[in-house]
Amino acid sequence: TLLTDSFLLTLAQSECSATIRLLDVYRCTSVTDNGLTALARNCPNLSVLNLGDCGTVTSKLLEELGESSSLSKLREFYVTSNQVDAIPASFARVRIILVSSHCNKLRSKRHHCKDSMPVAIK
């Protein structure tokens, strides 16, 4: 079954949203900014968020996530190379992990490639 915005919206409004610590929507193409924003706003204990290769994620969502006070416990944020430039400055305290084999955009930012050593910044 596909993970959809409808499911995320329902989950965000449920009592269990406060218990969610990890959200992995890697390669989910049926979720959009709407569902992800609702869930992020209602999951105060979210510490790991994987939006890697989720083509429907926009820079507007990343900006909104950066402004969200409900993500104060976020510690790991997984993205793909096309999302690196849109990572909000407020995520400086968050470990950014690239879930792509192409790490060429990482020269100017402090990010890590999944399953590899941290990228050296020159």
PDB file of N, CA and C in Angstrom:
ATOM      1  N   THR A   1       0.838  -1.191   0.000  1.00  0.00           N
ATOM      2  CA  THR A   1       0.000   0.000   0.000  1.00  0.00           C
ATOM      3  C   THR A   1       0.877   1.246   0.000  1.00  0.00           C
ATOM      4  N   LEU A   2       0.344   2.297  -0.564  1.00  0.00           N
ATOM      5  CA  LEU A   2       1.079   3.548  -0.636  1.00  0.00           C
ATOM      6  C   LEU A   2       0.771   4.443   0.549  1.00  0.00           C
ATOM      7  N   LEU A   3       1.778   5.083   1.030  1.00  0.00           N
ATOM      8  CA  LEU A   3       1.610   6.075   2.077  1.00  0.00           C
ATOM      9  C   LEU A   3       1.082   7.338   1.408  1.00  0.00           C
ATOM     10  N   THR A   4      -0.015   7.873   1.921  1.00  0.00           N
ATOM     11  CA  THR A   4      -0.654   9.021   1.292  1.00  0.00           C
ATOM     12  C   THR A   4      -0.788  10.189   2.260  1.00  0.00           C
ATOM     13  N   ASP A   5      -1.102  11.360   1.708  1.00  0.00           N
ATOM     14  CA  ASP A   5      -1.379  12.531   2.532  1.00  0.00           C
ATOM     15  C   ASP A   5      -2.552  12.273   3.462  1.00  0.00           C
ATOM     16  N   SER A   6      -3.549  11.590   2.960  1.00  0.00           N
ATOM     17  CA  SER A   6      -4.734  11.291   3.770  1.00  0.00           C
ATOM     18  C   SER A   6      -4.343  10.531   5.034  1.00  0.00           C
ATOM     19  N   PHE A   7      -3.469   9.546   4.883  1.00  0.00           N
ATOM     20  CA  PHE A   7      -3.009   8.782   6.043  1.00  0.00           C
ATOM     21  C   PHE A   7      -2.210   9.670   6.992  1.00  0.00           C
ATOM     22  N   LEU A   8      -1.309  10.485   6.438  1.00  0.00           N
ATOM     23  CA  LEU A   8      -0.493  11.363   7.285  1.00  0.00           C
ATOM     24  C   LEU A   8      -1.361  12.362   8.050  1.00  0.00           C
ATOM     25  N   LEU A   9      -2.374  12.906   7.397  1.00  0.00           N
ATOM     26  CA  LEU A   9      -3.276  13.848   8.059  1.00  0.00           C
ATOM     27  C   LEU A   9      -4.038  13.164   9.193  1.00  0.00           C
ATOM     28  N   THR A  10      -4.505  11.946   8.950  1.00  0.00           N
ATOM     29  CA  THR A  10      -5.205  11.181   9.986  1.00  0.00           C
ATOM     30  C   THR A  10      -4.267  10.882  11.148  1.00  0.00           C
ATOM     31  N   LEU A  11      -3.059  10.474  10.831  1.00  0.00           N
ATOM     32  CA  LEU A  11      -2.068  10.176  11.859  1.00  0.00           C
ATOM     33  C   LEU A  11      -1.732  11.427  12.676  1.00  0.00           C
ATOM     34  N   ALA A  12      -1.603  12.560  12.000  1.00  0.00           N
ATOM     35  CA  ALA A  12      -1.270  13.816  12.674  1.00  0.00           C
ATOM     36  C   ALA A  12      -2.352  14.217  13.673  1.00  0.00           C
ATOM     37  N   GLN A  13      -3.587  13.860  13.403  1.00  0.00           N
ATOM     38  CA  GLN A  13      -4.703  14.227  14.278  1.00  0.00           C
ATOM     39  C   GLN A  13      -4.985  13.188  15.352  1.00  0.00           C
ATOM     40  N   SER A  14      -4.250  12.093  15.326  1.00  0.00           N
ATOM     41  CA  SER A  14      -4.496  11.021  16.288  1.00  0.00           C
ATOM     42  C   SER A  14      -3.693  11.241  17.567  1.00  0.00           C
ATOM     43  N   GLU A  15      -4.088  10.530  18.602  1.00  0.00           N
ATOM     44  CA  GLU A  15      -3.389  10.625  19.887  1.00  0.00           C
ATOM     45  C   GLU A  15      -1.963  10.099  19.808  1.00  0.00           C
ATOM     46  N   CYS A  16      -1.726   9.185  18.902  1.00  0.00           N
ATOM     47  CA  CYS A  16      -0.392   8.569  18.833  1.00  0.00           C
ATOM     48  C   CYS A  16       0.642   9.467  18.164  1.00  0.00           C
ATOM     49  N   SER A  17       0.240  10.598  17.606  1.00  0.00           N
ATOM     50  CA  SER A  17       1.214  11.462  16.933  1.00  0.00           C
ATOM     51  C   SER A  17       2.320  11.929  17.882  1.00  0.00           C
ATOM     52  N   ALA A  18       1.995  12.068  19.140  1.00  0.00           N
ATOM     53  CA  ALA A  18       2.992  12.518  20.125  1.00  0.00           C
ATOM     54  C   ALA A  18       4.049  11.448  20.407  1.00  0.00           C
ATOM     55  N   THR A  19       3.787  10.207  20.009  1.00  0.00           N
ATOM     56  CA  THR A  19       4.736   9.128  20.273  1.00  0.00           C
ATOM     57  C   THR A  19       5.660   8.837  19.089  1.00  0.00           C
ATOM     58  N   ILE A  20       5.409   9.470  17.954  1.00  0.00           N
ATOM     59  CA  ILE A  20       6.206   9.204  16.748  1.00  0.00           C
ATOM     60  C   ILE A  20       7.582   9.838  16.897  1.00  0.00           C
ATOM     61  N   ARG A  21       8.608   9.025  16.723  1.00  0.00           N
ATOM     62  CA  ARG A  21       9.981   9.516  16.835  1.00  0.00           C
ATOM     63  C   ARG A  21      10.719   9.471  15.513  1.00  0.00           C
ATOM     64  N   LEU A  22      10.262   8.631  14.594  1.00  0.00           N
ATOM     65  CA  LEU A  22      10.931   8.477  13.314  1.00  0.00           C
ATOM     66  C   LEU A  22       9.894   8.483  12.202  1.00  0.00           C
ATOM     67  N   LEU A  23      10.148   9.267  11.178  1.00  0.00           N
ATOM     68  CA  LEU A  23       9.292   9.260   9.995  1.00  0.00           C
ATOM     69  C   LEU A  23      10.180   9.080   8.781  1.00  0.00           C
ATOM     70  N   ASP A  24       9.963   7.995   8.058  1.00  0.00           N
ATOM     71  CA  ASP A  24      10.757   7.669   6.881  1.00  0.00           C
ATOM     72  C   ASP A  24       9.834   7.591   5.676  1.00  0.00           C
ATOM     73  N   VAL A  25       9.887   8.622   4.838  1.00  0.00           N
ATOM     74  CA  VAL A  25       9.073   8.620   3.621  1.00  0.00           C
ATOM     75  C   VAL A  25       9.983   8.560   2.388  1.00  0.00           C
ATOM     76  N   TYR A  26      11.144   7.921   2.551  1.00  0.00           N
ATOM     77  CA  TYR A  26      12.101   7.770   1.458  1.00  0.00           C
ATOM     78  C   TYR A  26      11.409   7.191   0.228  1.00  0.00           C
ATOM     79  N   ARG A  27      11.546   7.916  -0.879  1.00  0.00           N
ATOM     80  CA  ARG A  27      10.988   7.530  -2.178  1.00  0.00           C
ATOM     81  C   ARG A  27       9.465   7.434  -2.203  1.00  0.00           C
ATOM     82  N   CYS A  28       8.793   8.021  -1.247  1.00  0.00           N
ATOM     83  CA  CYS A  28       7.326   8.056  -1.276  1.00  0.00           C
ATOM     84  C   CYS A  28       6.883   9.187  -2.201  1.00  0.00           C
ATOM     85  N   THR A  29       6.188   8.833  -3.230  1.00  0.00           N
ATOM     86  CA  THR A  29       5.758   9.842  -4.198  1.00  0.00           C
ATOM     87  C   THR A  29       4.295  10.237  -4.015  1.00  0.00           C
ATOM     88  N   SER A  30       3.623   9.647  -3.042  1.00  0.00           N
ATOM     89  CA  SER A  30       2.204   9.942  -2.822  1.00  0.00           C
ATOM     90  C   SER A  30       1.960  10.874  -1.651  1.00  0.00           C
ATOM     91  N   VAL A  31       3.022  11.400  -1.065  1.00  0.00           N
ATOM     92  CA  VAL A  31       2.859  12.366   0.021  1.00  0.00           C
ATOM     93  C   VAL A  31       3.326  13.729  -0.474  1.00  0.00           C
ATOM     94  N   THR A  32       2.711  14.766   0.056  1.00  0.00           N
ATOM     95  CA  THR A  32       3.050  16.125  -0.368  1.00  0.00           C
ATOM     96  C   THR A  32       3.369  16.980   0.855  1.00  0.00           C
ATOM     97  N   ASP A  33       3.650  18.235   0.588  1.00  0.00           N
ATOM     98  CA  ASP A  33       3.920  19.191   1.659  1.00  0.00           C
ATOM     99  C   ASP A  33       2.798  19.214   2.689  1.00  0.00           C
ATOM    100  N   ASN A  34       1.553  19.113   2.240  1.00  0.00           N
ATOM    101  CA  ASN A  34       0.407  19.194   3.158  1.00  0.00           C
ATOM    102  C   ASN A  34       0.447  18.125   4.245  1.00  0.00           C
ATOM    103  N   GLY A  35       0.594  16.878   3.848  1.00  0.00           N
ATOM    104  CA  GLY A  35       0.610  15.780   4.813  1.00  0.00           C
ATOM    105  C   GLY A  35       1.834  15.822   5.705  1.00  0.00           C
ATOM    106  N   LEU A  36       2.973  16.124   5.123  1.00  0.00           N
ATOM    107  CA  LEU A  36       4.213  16.162   5.898  1.00  0.00           C
ATOM    108  C   LEU A  36       4.233  17.333   6.878  1.00  0.00           C
ATOM    109  N   THR A  37       3.698  18.470   6.476  1.00  0.00           N
ATOM    110  CA  THR A  37       3.636  19.627   7.376  1.00  0.00           C
ATOM    111  C   THR A  37       2.728  19.325   8.559  1.00  0.00           C
ATOM    112  N   ALA A  38       1.565  18.752   8.284  1.00  0.00           N
ATOM    113  CA  ALA A  38       0.623  18.416   9.362  1.00  0.00           C
ATOM    114  C   ALA A  38       1.260  17.449  10.349  1.00  0.00           C
ATOM    115  N   LEU A  39       1.941  16.459   9.834  1.00  0.00           N
ATOM    116  CA  LEU A  39       2.562  15.475  10.723  1.00  0.00           C
ATOM    117  C   LEU A  39       3.701  16.108  11.522  1.00  0.00           C
ATOM    118  N   ALA A  40       4.527  16.897  10.868  1.00  0.00           N
ATOM    119  CA  ALA A  40       5.651  17.531  11.572  1.00  0.00           C
ATOM    120  C   ALA A  40       5.165  18.469  12.671  1.00  0.00           C
ATOM    121  N   ARG A  41       4.086  19.167  12.441  1.00  0.00           N
ATOM    122  CA  ARG A  41       3.542  20.098  13.435  1.00  0.00           C
ATOM    123  C   ARG A  41       2.961  19.384  14.652  1.00  0.00           C
ATOM    124  N   ASN A  42       2.581  18.136  14.471  1.00  0.00           N
ATOM    125  CA  ASN A  42       1.898  17.413  15.537  1.00  0.00           C
ATOM    126  C   ASN A  42       2.705  16.268  16.129  1.00  0.00           C
ATOM    127  N   CYS A  43       3.982  16.218  15.825  1.00  0.00           N
ATOM    128  CA  CYS A  43       4.846  15.154  16.348  1.00  0.00           C
ATOM    129  C   CYS A  43       6.005  15.789  17.119  1.00  0.00           C
ATOM    130  N   PRO A  44       5.765  16.219  18.336  1.00  0.00           N
ATOM    131  CA  PRO A  44       6.785  16.934  19.097  1.00  0.00           C
ATOM    132  C   PRO A  44       8.006  16.097  19.460  1.00  0.00           C
ATOM    133  N   ASN A  45       7.917  14.795  19.345  1.00  0.00           N
ATOM    134  CA  ASN A  45       9.042  13.919  19.692  1.00  0.00           C
ATOM    135  C   ASN A  45       9.784  13.385  18.475  1.00  0.00           C
ATOM    136  N   LEU A  46       9.473  13.910  17.298  1.00  0.00           N
ATOM    137  CA  LEU A  46      10.129  13.460  16.074  1.00  0.00           C
ATOM    138  C   LEU A  46      11.612  13.796  16.141  1.00  0.00           C
ATOM    139  N   SER A  47      12.452  12.770  16.075  1.00  0.00           N
ATOM    140  CA  SER A  47      13.899  13.001  16.151  1.00  0.00           C
ATOM    141  C   SER A  47      14.623  12.610  14.865  1.00  0.00           C
ATOM    142  N   VAL A  48      13.982  11.798  14.017  1.00  0.00           N
ATOM    143  CA  VAL A  48      14.584  11.383  12.749  1.00  0.00           C
ATOM    144  C   VAL A  48      13.549  11.570  11.645  1.00  0.00           C
ATOM    145  N   LEU A  49      13.947  12.286  10.594  1.00  0.00           N
ATOM    146  CA  LEU A  49      13.053  12.539   9.462  1.00  0.00           C
ATOM    147  C   LEU A  49      13.799  12.249   8.178  1.00  0.00           C
ATOM    148  N   ASN A  50      13.279  11.316   7.388  1.00  0.00           N
ATOM    149  CA  ASN A  50      13.898  10.958   6.117  1.00  0.00           C
ATOM    150  C   ASN A  50      12.975  11.384   4.977  1.00  0.00           C
ATOM    151  N   LEU A  51      13.368  12.446   4.274  1.00  0.00           N
ATOM    152  CA  LEU A  51      12.633  12.919   3.099  1.00  0.00           C
ATOM    153  C   LEU A  51      13.410  12.627   1.827  1.00  0.00           C
ATOM    154  N   GLY A  52      14.417  11.767   1.925  1.00  0.00           N
ATOM    155  CA  GLY A  52      15.278  11.454   0.791  1.00  0.00           C
ATOM    156  C   GLY A  52      14.526  10.915  -0.404  1.00  0.00           C
ATOM    157  N   ASP A  53      14.848  11.471  -1.565  1.00  0.00           N
ATOM    158  CA  ASP A  53      14.298  11.029  -2.844  1.00  0.00           C
ATOM    159  C   ASP A  53      12.775  11.066  -2.869  1.00  0.00           C
ATOM    160  N   CYS A  54      12.215  11.948  -2.090  1.00  0.00           N
ATOM    161  CA  CYS A  54      10.762  12.139  -2.054  1.00  0.00           C
ATOM    162  C   CYS A  54      10.475  13.315  -2.973  1.00  0.00           C
ATOM    163  N   GLY A  55      10.231  13.029  -4.240  1.00  0.00           N
ATOM    164  CA  GLY A  55      10.126  14.046  -5.275  1.00  0.00           C
ATOM    165  C   GLY A  55       9.054  15.096  -5.074  1.00  0.00           C
ATOM    166  N   THR A  56       8.087  14.821  -4.222  1.00  0.00           N
ATOM    167  CA  THR A  56       7.005  15.775  -4.012  1.00  0.00           C
ATOM    168  C   THR A  56       7.333  16.816  -2.953  1.00  0.00           C
ATOM    169  N   VAL A  57       8.457  16.671  -2.289  1.00  0.00           N
ATOM    170  CA  VAL A  57       8.867  17.620  -1.253  1.00  0.00           C
ATOM    171  C   VAL A  57       9.413  18.875  -1.926  1.00  0.00           C
ATOM    172  N   THR A  58       8.920  20.024  -1.499  1.00  0.00           N
ATOM    173  CA  THR A  58       9.357  21.284  -2.091  1.00  0.00           C
ATOM    174  C   THR A  58      10.223  22.070  -1.109  1.00  0.00           C
ATOM    175  N   SER A  59      10.882  23.086  -1.623  1.00  0.00           N
ATOM    176  CA  SER A  59      11.690  23.945  -0.764  1.00  0.00           C
ATOM    177  C   SER A  59      10.801  24.693   0.231  1.00  0.00           C
ATOM    178  N   LYS A  60       9.545  24.920  -0.141  1.00  0.00           N
ATOM    179  CA  LYS A  60       8.603  25.576   0.779  1.00  0.00           C
ATOM    180  C   LYS A  60       8.399  24.714   2.028  1.00  0.00           C
ATOM    181  N   LEU A  61       8.272  23.407   1.853  1.00  0.00           N
ATOM    182  CA  LEU A  61       8.126  22.512   3.001  1.00  0.00           C
ATOM    183  C   LEU A  61       9.368  22.575   3.880  1.00  0.00           C
ATOM    184  N   LEU A  62      10.534  22.510   3.275  1.00  0.00           N
ATOM    185  CA  LEU A  62      11.771  22.544   4.052  1.00  0.00           C
ATOM    186  C   LEU A  62      11.874  23.850   4.834  1.00  0.00           C
ATOM    187  N   GLU A  63      11.463  24.945   4.219  1.00  0.00           N
ATOM    188  CA  GLU A  63      11.459  26.232   4.913  1.00  0.00           C
ATOM    189  C   GLU A  63      10.487  26.215   6.092  1.00  0.00           C
ATOM    190  N   GLU A  64       9.313  25.654   5.861  1.00  0.00           N
ATOM    191  CA  GLU A  64       8.319  25.579   6.932  1.00  0.00           C
ATOM    192  C   GLU A  64       8.779  24.672   8.071  1.00  0.00           C
ATOM    193  N   LEU A  65       9.432  23.583   7.736  1.00  0.00           N
ATOM    194  CA  LEU A  65       9.963  22.694   8.772  1.00  0.00           C
ATOM    195  C   LEU A  65      11.000  23.426   9.608  1.00  0.00           C
ATOM    196  N   GLY A  66      11.812  24.246   8.957  1.00  0.00           N
ATOM    197  CA  GLY A  66      12.827  25.004   9.660  1.00  0.00           C
ATOM    198  C   GLY A  66      12.248  26.019  10.624  1.00  0.00           C
ATOM    199  N   GLU A  67      11.052  26.512  10.323  1.00  0.00           N
ATOM    200  CA  GLU A  67      10.392  27.502  11.180  1.00  0.00           C
ATOM    201  C   GLU A  67       9.528  26.862  12.257  1.00  0.00           C
ATOM    202  N   SER A  68       9.334  25.568  12.174  1.00  0.00           N
ATOM    203  CA  SER A  68       8.436  24.871  13.102  1.00  0.00           C
ATOM    204  C   SER A  68       9.085  24.665  14.472  1.00  0.00           C
ATOM    205  N   SER A  69       8.445  25.168  15.487  1.00  0.00           N
ATOM    206  CA  SER A  69       8.942  24.975  16.854  1.00  0.00           C
ATOM    207  C   SER A  69       8.665  23.562  17.351  1.00  0.00           C
ATOM    208  N   SER A  70       7.786  22.837  16.672  1.00  0.00           N
ATOM    209  CA  SER A  70       7.452  21.483  17.108  1.00  0.00           C
ATOM    210  C   SER A  70       8.549  20.473  16.782  1.00  0.00           C
ATOM    211  N   LEU A  71       9.538  20.876  16.002  1.00  0.00           N
ATOM    212  CA  LEU A  71      10.617  19.951  15.643  1.00  0.00           C
ATOM    213  C   LEU A  71      11.877  20.181  16.477  1.00  0.00           C
ATOM    214  N   SER A  72      11.714  20.635  17.685  1.00  0.00           N
ATOM    215  CA  SER A  72      12.872  20.945  18.536  1.00  0.00           C
ATOM    216  C   SER A  72      13.703  19.709  18.881  1.00  0.00           C
ATOM    217  N   LYS A  73      13.133  18.525  18.776  1.00  0.00           N
ATOM    218  CA  LYS A  73      13.872  17.297  19.106  1.00  0.00           C
ATOM    219  C   LYS A  73      14.481  16.627  17.879  1.00  0.00           C
ATOM    220  N   LEU A  74      14.299  17.222  16.705  1.00  0.00           N
ATOM    221  CA  LEU A  74      14.849  16.639  15.487  1.00  0.00           C
ATOM    222  C   LEU A  74      16.370  16.620  15.563  1.00  0.00           C
ATOM    223  N   ARG A  75      16.968  15.446  15.349  1.00  0.00           N
ATOM    224  CA  ARG A  75      18.415  15.290  15.436  1.00  0.00           C
ATOM    225  C   ARG A  75      19.043  14.787  14.137  1.00  0.00           C
ATOM    226  N   GLU A  76      18.279  14.048  13.322  1.00  0.00           N
ATOM    227  CA  GLU A  76      18.798  13.537  12.050  1.00  0.00           C
ATOM    228  C   GLU A  76      17.791  13.837  10.955  1.00  0.00           C
ATOM    229  N   PHE A  77      18.302  14.377   9.853  1.00  0.00           N
ATOM    230  CA  PHE A  77      17.455  14.765   8.728  1.00  0.00           C
ATOM    231  C   PHE A  77      18.084  14.216   7.459  1.00  0.00           C
ATOM    232  N   TYR A  78      17.421  13.280   6.807  1.00  0.00           N
ATOM    233  CA  TYR A  78      17.924  12.626   5.614  1.00  0.00           C
ATOM    234  C   TYR A  78      17.349  13.307   4.373  1.00  0.00           C
ATOM    235  N   VAL A  79      18.232  13.660   3.446  1.00  0.00           N
ATOM    236  CA  VAL A  79      17.826  14.313   2.208  1.00  0.00           C
ATOM    237  C   VAL A  79      18.616  13.732   1.036  1.00  0.00           C
ATOM    238  N   THR A  80      18.186  14.070  -0.160  1.00  0.00           N
ATOM    239  CA  THR A  80      18.956  13.723  -1.351  1.00  0.00           C
ATOM    240  C   THR A  80      19.614  14.994  -1.883  1.00  0.00           C
ATOM    241  N   SER A  81      20.534  14.838  -2.807  1.00  0.00           N
ATOM    242  CA  SER A  81      21.356  15.964  -3.250  1.00  0.00           C
ATOM    243  C   SER A  81      20.534  17.132  -3.795  1.00  0.00           C
ATOM    244  N   ASN A  82      19.391  16.874  -4.408  1.00  0.00           N
ATOM    245  CA  ASN A  82      18.592  17.978  -4.945  1.00  0.00           C
ATOM    246  C   ASN A  82      17.881  18.767  -3.844  1.00  0.00           C
ATOM    247  N   GLN A  83      17.920  18.305  -2.606  1.00  0.00           N
ATOM    248  CA  GLN A  83      17.280  19.005  -1.495  1.00  0.00           C
ATOM    249  C   GLN A  83      18.288  19.751  -0.612  1.00  0.00           C
ATOM    250  N   VAL A  84      19.567  19.535  -0.815  1.00  0.00           N
ATOM    251  CA  VAL A  84      20.597  20.082   0.064  1.00  0.00           C
ATOM    252  C   VAL A  84      20.538  21.604   0.141  1.00  0.00           C
ATOM    253  N   ASP A  85      20.398  22.271  -0.995  1.00  0.00           N
ATOM    254  CA  ASP A  85      20.423  23.730  -1.010  1.00  0.00           C
ATOM    255  C   ASP A  85      19.232  24.360  -0.299  1.00  0.00           C
ATOM    256  N   ALA A  86      18.156  23.603  -0.098  1.00  0.00           N
ATOM    257  CA  ALA A  86      16.953  24.150   0.541  1.00  0.00           C
ATOM    258  C   ALA A  86      16.885  23.874   2.039  1.00  0.00           C
ATOM    259  N   ILE A  87      17.911  23.252   2.602  1.00  0.00           N
ATOM    260  CA  ILE A  87      17.902  22.956   4.036  1.00  0.00           C
ATOM    261  C   ILE A  87      17.925  24.267   4.817  1.00  0.00           C
ATOM    262  N   PRO A  88      16.969  24.440   5.722  1.00  0.00           N
ATOM    263  CA  PRO A  88      16.902  25.698   6.469  1.00  0.00           C
ATOM    264  C   PRO A  88      18.093  25.897   7.399  1.00  0.00           C
ATOM    265  N   ALA A  89      18.480  27.151   7.573  1.00  0.00           N
ATOM    266  CA  ALA A  89      19.611  27.490   8.449  1.00  0.00           C
ATOM    267  C   ALA A  89      19.351  27.058   9.883  1.00  0.00           C
ATOM    268  N   SER A  90      18.089  27.021  10.277  1.00  0.00           N
ATOM    269  CA  SER A  90      17.760  26.632  11.651  1.00  0.00           C
ATOM    270  C   SER A  90      18.077  25.168  11.935  1.00  0.00           C
ATOM    271  N   PHE A  91      18.392  24.401  10.908  1.00  0.00           N
ATOM    272  CA  PHE A  91      18.743  22.993  11.094  1.00  0.00           C
ATOM    273  C   PHE A  91      20.230  22.817  11.382  1.00  0.00           C
ATOM    274  N   ALA A  92      20.919  23.883  11.744  1.00  0.00           N
ATOM    275  CA  ALA A  92      22.354  23.802  12.022  1.00  0.00           C
ATOM    276  C   ALA A  92      22.655  22.812  13.138  1.00  0.00           C
ATOM    277  N   ARG A  93      21.738  22.619  14.065  1.00  0.00           N
ATOM    278  CA  ARG A  93      21.921  21.706  15.197  1.00  0.00           C
ATOM    279  C   ARG A  93      21.599  20.259  14.816  1.00  0.00           C
ATOM    280  N   VAL A  94      21.080  20.063  13.604  1.00  0.00           N
ATOM    281  CA  VAL A  94      20.619  18.748  13.154  1.00  0.00           C
ATOM    282  C   VAL A  94      21.684  18.098  12.276  1.00  0.00           C
ATOM    283  N   ARG A  95      21.907  16.822  12.471  1.00  0.00           N
ATOM    284  CA  ARG A  95      22.843  16.077  11.618  1.00  0.00           C
ATOM    285  C   ARG A  95      22.149  15.817  10.285  1.00  0.00           C
ATOM    286  N   ILE A  96      22.725  16.362   9.218  1.00  0.00           N
ATOM    287  CA  ILE A  96      22.159  16.199   7.881  1.00  0.00           C
ATOM    288  C   ILE A  96      22.864  15.022   7.221  1.00  0.00           C
ATOM    289  N   ILE A  97      22.088  14.082   6.687  1.00  0.00           N
ATOM    290  CA  ILE A  97      22.660  12.888   6.083  1.00  0.00           C
ATOM    291  C   ILE A  97      22.161  12.791   4.646  1.00  0.00           C
ATOM    292  N   LEU A  98      23.086  12.718   3.730  1.00  0.00           N
ATOM    293  CA  LEU A  98      22.749  12.618   2.320  1.00  0.00           C
ATOM    294  C   LEU A  98      22.517  11.160   1.965  1.00  0.00           C
ATOM    295  N   VAL A  99      21.364  10.842   1.424  1.00  0.00           N
ATOM    296  CA  VAL A  99      21.037   9.464   1.070  1.00  0.00           C
ATOM    297  C   VAL A  99      21.132   9.263  -0.437  1.00  0.00           C
ATOM    298  N   SER A 100      22.207   9.800  -0.979  1.00  0.00           N
ATOM    299  CA  SER A 100      22.460   9.693  -2.405  1.00  0.00           C
ATOM    300  C   SER A 100      23.922   9.355  -2.599  1.00  0.00           C
ATOM    301  N   SER A 101      24.236   8.742  -3.703  1.00  0.00           N
ATOM    302  CA  SER A 101      25.632   8.415  -3.969  1.00  0.00           C
ATOM    303  C   SER A 101      26.391   9.614  -4.512  1.00  0.00           C
ATOM    304  N   HIS A 102      25.687  10.705  -4.796  1.00  0.00           N
ATOM    305  CA  HIS A 102      26.321  11.900  -5.361  1.00  0.00           C
ATOM    306  C   HIS A 102      26.481  12.948  -4.268  1.00  0.00           C
ATOM    307  N   CYS A 103      27.687  13.139  -3.819  1.00  0.00           N
ATOM    308  CA  CYS A 103      27.954  14.074  -2.728  1.00  0.00           C
ATOM    309  C   CYS A 103      28.618  15.351  -3.218  1.00  0.00           C
ATOM    310  N   ASN A 104      28.490  15.662  -4.499  1.00  0.00           N
ATOM    311  CA  ASN A 104      29.195  16.808  -5.050  1.00  0.00           C
ATOM    312  C   ASN A 104      28.699  18.155  -4.542  1.00  0.00           C
ATOM    313  N   LYS A 105      27.502  18.254  -3.971  1.00  0.00           N
ATOM    314  CA  LYS A 105      26.992  19.528  -3.477  1.00  0.00           C
ATOM    315  C   LYS A 105      27.428  19.805  -2.046  1.00  0.00           C
ATOM    316  N   LEU A 106      28.203  18.930  -1.473  1.00  0.00           N
ATOM    317  CA  LEU A 106      28.487  19.029  -0.049  1.00  0.00           C
ATOM    318  C   LEU A 106      29.736  19.828   0.293  1.00  0.00           C
ATOM    319  N   ARG A 107      30.402  20.391  -0.668  1.00  0.00           N
ATOM    320  CA  ARG A 107      31.659  21.080  -0.379  1.00  0.00           C
ATOM    321  C   ARG A 107      31.475  22.302   0.512  1.00  0.00           C
ATOM    322  N   SER A 108      30.321  22.950   0.442  1.00  0.00           N
ATOM    323  CA  SER A 108      30.151  24.180   1.199  1.00  0.00           C
ATOM    324  C   SER A 108      29.274  24.018   2.435  1.00  0.00           C
ATOM    325  N   LYS A 109      28.853  22.829   2.733  1.00  0.00           N
ATOM    326  CA  LYS A 109      27.978  22.604   3.883  1.00  0.00           C
ATOM    327  C   LYS A 109      28.530  21.478   4.745  1.00  0.00           C
ATOM    328  N   ARG A 110      28.105  21.441   5.984  1.00  0.00           N
ATOM    329  CA  ARG A 110      28.535  20.373   6.884  1.00  0.00           C
ATOM    330  C   ARG A 110      27.497  19.260   6.854  1.00  0.00           C
ATOM    331  N   HIS A 111      27.685  18.328   5.941  1.00  0.00           N
ATOM    332  CA  HIS A 111      26.763  17.216   5.784  1.00  0.00           C
ATOM    333  C   HIS A 111      27.555  15.918   5.725  1.00  0.00           C
ATOM    334  N   HIS A 112      26.856  14.839   5.863  1.00  0.00           N
ATOM    335  CA  HIS A 112      27.479  13.516   5.811  1.00  0.00           C
ATOM    336  C   HIS A 112      26.789  12.692   4.729  1.00  0.00           C
ATOM    337  N   CYS A 113      27.553  11.822   4.116  1.00  0.00           N
ATOM    338  CA  CYS A 113      26.972  10.888   3.162  1.00  0.00           C
ATOM    339  C   CYS A 113      26.636   9.613   3.917  1.00  0.00           C
ATOM    340  N   LYS A 114      25.452   9.097   3.688  1.00  0.00           N
ATOM    341  CA  LYS A 114      25.043   7.883   4.385  1.00  0.00           C
ATOM    342  C   LYS A 114      26.049   6.774   4.081  1.00  0.00           C
ATOM    343  N   ASP A 115      26.386   6.020   5.092  1.00  0.00           N
ATOM    344  CA  ASP A 115      27.300   4.894   4.964  1.00  0.00           C
ATOM    345  C   ASP A 115      28.696   5.307   4.504  1.00  0.00           C
ATOM    346  N   SER A 116      29.111   6.522   4.841  1.00  0.00           N
ATOM    347  CA  SER A 116      30.461   6.926   4.486  1.00  0.00           C
ATOM    348  C   SER A 116      30.997   7.836   5.575  1.00  0.00           C
ATOM    349  N   MET A 117      32.227   8.236   5.428  1.00  0.00           N
ATOM    350  CA  MET A 117      32.853   9.147   6.376  1.00  0.00           C
ATOM    351  C   MET A 117      32.287  10.541   6.145  1.00  0.00           C
ATOM    352  N   PRO A 118      32.320  11.400   7.148  1.00  0.00           N
ATOM    353  CA  PRO A 118      31.878  12.784   6.942  1.00  0.00           C
ATOM    354  C   PRO A 118      32.667  13.444   5.818  1.00  0.00           C
ATOM    355  N   VAL A 119      32.007  14.276   5.070  1.00  0.00           N
ATOM    356  CA  VAL A 119      32.640  14.971   3.953  1.00  0.00           C
ATOM    357  C   VAL A 119      33.495  16.105   4.491  1.00  0.00           C
ATOM    358  N   ALA A 120      34.737  16.175   4.059  1.00  0.00           N
ATOM    359  CA  ALA A 120      35.639  17.241   4.491  1.00  0.00           C
ATOM    360  C   ALA A 120      35.277  18.536   3.776  1.00  0.00           C
ATOM    361  N   ILE A 121      35.284  19.632   4.520  1.00  0.00           N
ATOM    362  CA  ILE A 121      34.979  20.934   3.948  1.00  0.00           C
ATOM    363  C   ILE A 121      36.273  21.672   3.721  1.00  0.00           C
ATOM    364  N   LYS A 122      36.488  22.111   2.486  1.00  0.00           N
ATOM    365  CA  LYS A 122      37.742  22.795   2.118  1.00  0.00           C
ATOM    366  C   LYS A 122      37.504  24.273   1.992  1.00  0.00           C
TER     367      LYS A 122
END
